[in-house]
Amino acid sequence: MGVRLTMIGPASPITEEFQRGWDAALRAVRDWHDSQAKKTLIQARRDRFPKNLEREAAVHRRSAEIIVTLTPDDV
C-alpha cells in the first residue's frame, strides 16, 4: 500500500490503520444511503404524491454508488 501524503502536509501520512478506518467509514455511509433509499421507496408506495420521494430515493442510491470513489485526498 505504501505511505501517501495528504494535503495537510508531510507530517500526516496515510497509514494502513487510517486506510482501514476510512474504508469502514465509507462502507457505513454507503449502507446508510442504501437503507435510506429503501425506506424512502417504501414511503413512496404509501404516499399520494410519490414523485418527490422517488427522487429522494434516487439521490440516496446515487450517493451510495459514488461514495466509494472518495479518497482521503478528496476531503
N, C-alpha and C. Protein backbone atom coordinates (compact mmCIF):
# COMPACT_ATOMS: atom_id res chain seq x y z
N MET A 1 0.83 -1.18 0.00
CA MET A 1 0.00 0.00 0.00
C MET A 1 0.87 1.24 0.00
N GLY A 2 1.83 1.35 0.90
CA GLY A 2 2.71 2.50 0.92
C GLY A 2 2.13 3.65 1.72
N VAL A 3 2.95 4.64 1.88
CA VAL A 3 2.53 5.82 2.64
C VAL A 3 2.33 6.96 1.65
N ARG A 4 1.15 7.56 1.70
CA ARG A 4 0.87 8.71 0.85
C ARG A 4 0.77 9.95 1.72
N LEU A 5 0.99 11.08 1.14
CA LEU A 5 0.91 12.33 1.89
C LEU A 5 -0.40 13.02 1.58
N THR A 6 -0.99 13.64 2.58
CA THR A 6 -2.25 14.34 2.40
C THR A 6 -1.98 15.81 2.14
N MET A 7 -3.07 16.55 1.91
CA MET A 7 -2.94 17.99 1.69
C MET A 7 -2.55 18.72 2.97
N ILE A 8 -2.69 18.05 4.11
CA ILE A 8 -2.35 18.68 5.38
C ILE A 8 -0.86 18.95 5.44
N GLY A 9 -0.10 18.04 4.91
CA GLY A 9 1.33 18.25 4.86
C GLY A 9 2.10 16.97 5.07
N PRO A 10 3.40 17.04 5.01
CA PRO A 10 4.21 15.84 5.10
C PRO A 10 4.17 15.18 6.48
N ALA A 11 3.68 15.84 7.51
CA ALA A 11 3.63 15.27 8.85
C ALA A 11 2.43 14.34 9.03
N SER A 12 1.56 14.21 8.03
CA SER A 12 0.34 13.41 8.17
C SER A 12 0.24 12.34 7.08
N PRO A 13 1.07 11.31 7.15
CA PRO A 13 0.97 10.25 6.14
C PRO A 13 -0.29 9.41 6.36
N ILE A 14 -0.78 8.81 5.29
CA ILE A 14 -1.95 7.94 5.37
C ILE A 14 -1.43 6.53 5.66
N THR A 15 -1.66 6.09 6.87
CA THR A 15 -1.18 4.78 7.29
C THR A 15 -2.21 3.71 6.92
N GLU A 16 -1.81 2.45 7.05
CA GLU A 16 -2.73 1.35 6.77
C GLU A 16 -3.90 1.36 7.75
N GLU A 17 -3.63 1.72 9.00
CA GLU A 17 -4.70 1.79 10.00
C GLU A 17 -5.71 2.88 9.62
N PHE A 18 -5.21 4.03 9.20
CA PHE A 18 -6.11 5.10 8.75
C PHE A 18 -6.92 4.63 7.55
N GLN A 19 -6.28 3.95 6.60
CA GLN A 19 -6.98 3.49 5.40
C GLN A 19 -8.07 2.49 5.76
N ARG A 20 -7.83 1.60 6.71
CA ARG A 20 -8.86 0.66 7.15
C ARG A 20 -10.05 1.40 7.75
N GLY A 21 -9.77 2.41 8.56
CA GLY A 21 -10.84 3.22 9.14
C GLY A 21 -11.61 3.97 8.08
N TRP A 22 -10.88 4.51 7.11
CA TRP A 22 -11.50 5.24 6.00
C TRP A 22 -12.45 4.32 5.24
N ASP A 23 -11.97 3.13 4.91
CA ASP A 23 -12.79 2.17 4.16
C ASP A 23 -14.02 1.77 4.96
N ALA A 24 -13.87 1.56 6.26
CA ALA A 24 -15.01 1.20 7.11
C ALA A 24 -16.03 2.34 7.16
N ALA A 25 -15.55 3.57 7.23
CA ALA A 25 -16.46 4.72 7.25
C ALA A 25 -17.23 4.83 5.94
N LEU A 26 -16.54 4.62 4.83
CA LEU A 26 -17.23 4.68 3.54
C LEU A 26 -18.27 3.58 3.41
N ARG A 27 -17.96 2.39 3.89
CA ARG A 27 -18.96 1.30 3.87
C ARG A 27 -20.17 1.67 4.72
N ALA A 28 -19.93 2.27 5.87
CA ALA A 28 -21.04 2.66 6.75
C ALA A 28 -21.92 3.71 6.08
N VAL A 29 -21.31 4.68 5.44
CA VAL A 29 -22.08 5.73 4.75
C VAL A 29 -22.85 5.13 3.57
N ARG A 30 -22.19 4.24 2.82
CA ARG A 30 -22.87 3.60 1.70
C ARG A 30 -24.07 2.79 2.18
N ASP A 31 -23.90 2.03 3.26
CA ASP A 31 -25.01 1.25 3.81
C ASP A 31 -26.14 2.15 4.29
N TRP A 32 -25.80 3.28 4.91
CA TRP A 32 -26.82 4.22 5.37
C TRP A 32 -27.62 4.75 4.20
N HIS A 33 -26.92 5.17 3.13
CA HIS A 33 -27.64 5.69 1.95
C HIS A 33 -28.51 4.61 1.32
N ASP A 34 -28.01 3.37 1.28
CA ASP A 34 -28.83 2.28 0.75
C ASP A 34 -30.10 2.09 1.57
N SER A 35 -29.97 2.10 2.89
CA SER A 35 -31.15 1.90 3.73
C SER A 35 -32.11 3.07 3.62
N GLN A 36 -31.59 4.29 3.51
CA GLN A 36 -32.47 5.45 3.33
C GLN A 36 -33.23 5.37 2.01
N ALA A 37 -32.56 4.91 0.96
CA ALA A 37 -33.23 4.78 -0.34
C ALA A 37 -34.35 3.76 -0.24
N LYS A 38 -34.10 2.63 0.40
CA LYS A 38 -35.14 1.60 0.55
C LYS A 38 -36.30 2.13 1.37
N LYS A 39 -35.99 2.80 2.47
CA LYS A 39 -37.04 3.35 3.34
C LYS A 39 -37.89 4.38 2.59
N THR A 40 -37.23 5.21 1.81
CA THR A 40 -37.94 6.25 1.07
C THR A 40 -38.83 5.65 -0.01
N LEU A 41 -38.35 4.59 -0.67
CA LEU A 41 -39.19 3.94 -1.68
C LEU A 41 -40.42 3.30 -1.06
N ILE A 42 -40.27 2.75 0.14
CA ILE A 42 -41.44 2.19 0.83
C ILE A 42 -42.43 3.30 1.15
N GLN A 43 -41.94 4.44 1.60
CA GLN A 43 -42.82 5.58 1.87
C GLN A 43 -43.50 6.05 0.58
N ALA A 44 -42.78 6.03 -0.53
CA ALA A 44 -43.34 6.49 -1.80
C ALA A 44 -44.52 5.62 -2.22
N ARG A 45 -44.45 4.33 -1.92
CA ARG A 45 -45.55 3.43 -2.29
C ARG A 45 -46.82 3.74 -1.51
N ARG A 46 -46.66 4.32 -0.33
CA ARG A 46 -47.81 4.60 0.53
C ARG A 46 -48.31 6.04 0.41
N ASP A 47 -47.59 6.86 -0.31
CA ASP A 47 -47.89 8.28 -0.38
C ASP A 47 -48.78 8.58 -1.59
N ARG A 48 -49.60 9.61 -1.46
CA ARG A 48 -50.45 10.02 -2.59
C ARG A 48 -49.65 10.69 -3.70
N PHE A 49 -48.54 11.32 -3.33
CA PHE A 49 -47.70 12.04 -4.29
C PHE A 49 -46.27 11.51 -4.20
N PRO A 50 -45.98 10.38 -4.83
CA PRO A 50 -44.71 9.69 -4.62
C PRO A 50 -43.51 10.26 -5.38
N LYS A 51 -43.70 11.16 -6.33
CA LYS A 51 -42.58 11.59 -7.18
C LYS A 51 -41.43 12.20 -6.38
N ASN A 52 -41.73 13.06 -5.43
CA ASN A 52 -40.65 13.67 -4.65
C ASN A 52 -39.88 12.62 -3.86
N LEU A 53 -40.60 11.67 -3.29
CA LEU A 53 -39.94 10.61 -2.53
C LEU A 53 -39.11 9.72 -3.45
N GLU A 54 -39.60 9.47 -4.65
CA GLU A 54 -38.83 8.67 -5.61
C GLU A 54 -37.55 9.39 -6.00
N ARG A 55 -37.63 10.71 -6.16
CA ARG A 55 -36.41 11.49 -6.46
C ARG A 55 -35.43 11.44 -5.30
N GLU A 56 -35.94 11.54 -4.08
CA GLU A 56 -35.08 11.46 -2.90
C GLU A 56 -34.40 10.09 -2.83
N ALA A 57 -35.13 9.05 -3.12
CA ALA A 57 -34.55 7.70 -3.12
C ALA A 57 -33.46 7.58 -4.18
N ALA A 58 -33.70 8.20 -5.34
CA ALA A 58 -32.69 8.16 -6.40
C ALA A 58 -31.41 8.88 -5.97
N VAL A 59 -31.55 9.98 -5.25
CA VAL A 59 -30.38 10.70 -4.74
C VAL A 59 -29.60 9.82 -3.77
N HIS A 60 -30.31 9.12 -2.89
CA HIS A 60 -29.63 8.23 -1.94
C HIS A 60 -28.94 7.07 -2.66
N ARG A 61 -29.61 6.52 -3.66
CA ARG A 61 -28.99 5.43 -4.42
C ARG A 61 -27.72 5.89 -5.12
N ARG A 62 -27.80 7.05 -5.73
CA ARG A 62 -26.63 7.61 -6.45
C ARG A 62 -25.51 7.92 -5.46
N SER A 63 -25.85 8.47 -4.31
CA SER A 63 -24.85 8.76 -3.29
C SER A 63 -24.16 7.48 -2.83
N ALA A 64 -24.92 6.42 -2.66
CA ALA A 64 -24.35 5.14 -2.24
C ALA A 64 -23.40 4.60 -3.30
N GLU A 65 -23.71 4.86 -4.56
CA GLU A 65 -22.84 4.38 -5.64
C GLU A 65 -21.53 5.14 -5.71
N ILE A 66 -21.59 6.46 -5.53
CA ILE A 66 -20.37 7.26 -5.75
C ILE A 66 -19.55 7.47 -4.49
N ILE A 67 -20.09 7.17 -3.32
CA ILE A 67 -19.36 7.42 -2.07
C ILE A 67 -18.08 6.61 -2.02
N VAL A 68 -18.08 5.43 -2.59
CA VAL A 68 -16.90 4.56 -2.52
C VAL A 68 -15.75 5.08 -3.38
N THR A 69 -16.01 6.07 -4.21
CA THR A 69 -14.93 6.62 -5.04
C THR A 69 -14.12 7.69 -4.32
N LEU A 70 -14.58 8.11 -3.15
CA LEU A 70 -13.85 9.14 -2.40
C LEU A 70 -12.53 8.61 -1.85
N THR A 71 -11.55 9.47 -1.84
CA THR A 71 -10.26 9.16 -1.23
C THR A 71 -9.99 10.19 -0.15
N PRO A 72 -9.09 9.92 0.77
CA PRO A 72 -8.75 10.93 1.78
C PRO A 72 -8.26 12.24 1.17
N ASP A 73 -7.71 12.18 -0.02
CA ASP A 73 -7.24 13.39 -0.70
C ASP A 73 -8.39 14.29 -1.14
N ASP A 74 -9.59 13.73 -1.25
CA ASP A 74 -10.76 14.49 -1.72
C ASP A 74 -11.35 15.40 -0.65
N VAL A 75 -11.03 15.15 0.60
CA VAL A 75 -11.62 15.94 1.68
C VAL A 75 -10.62 16.82 2.36
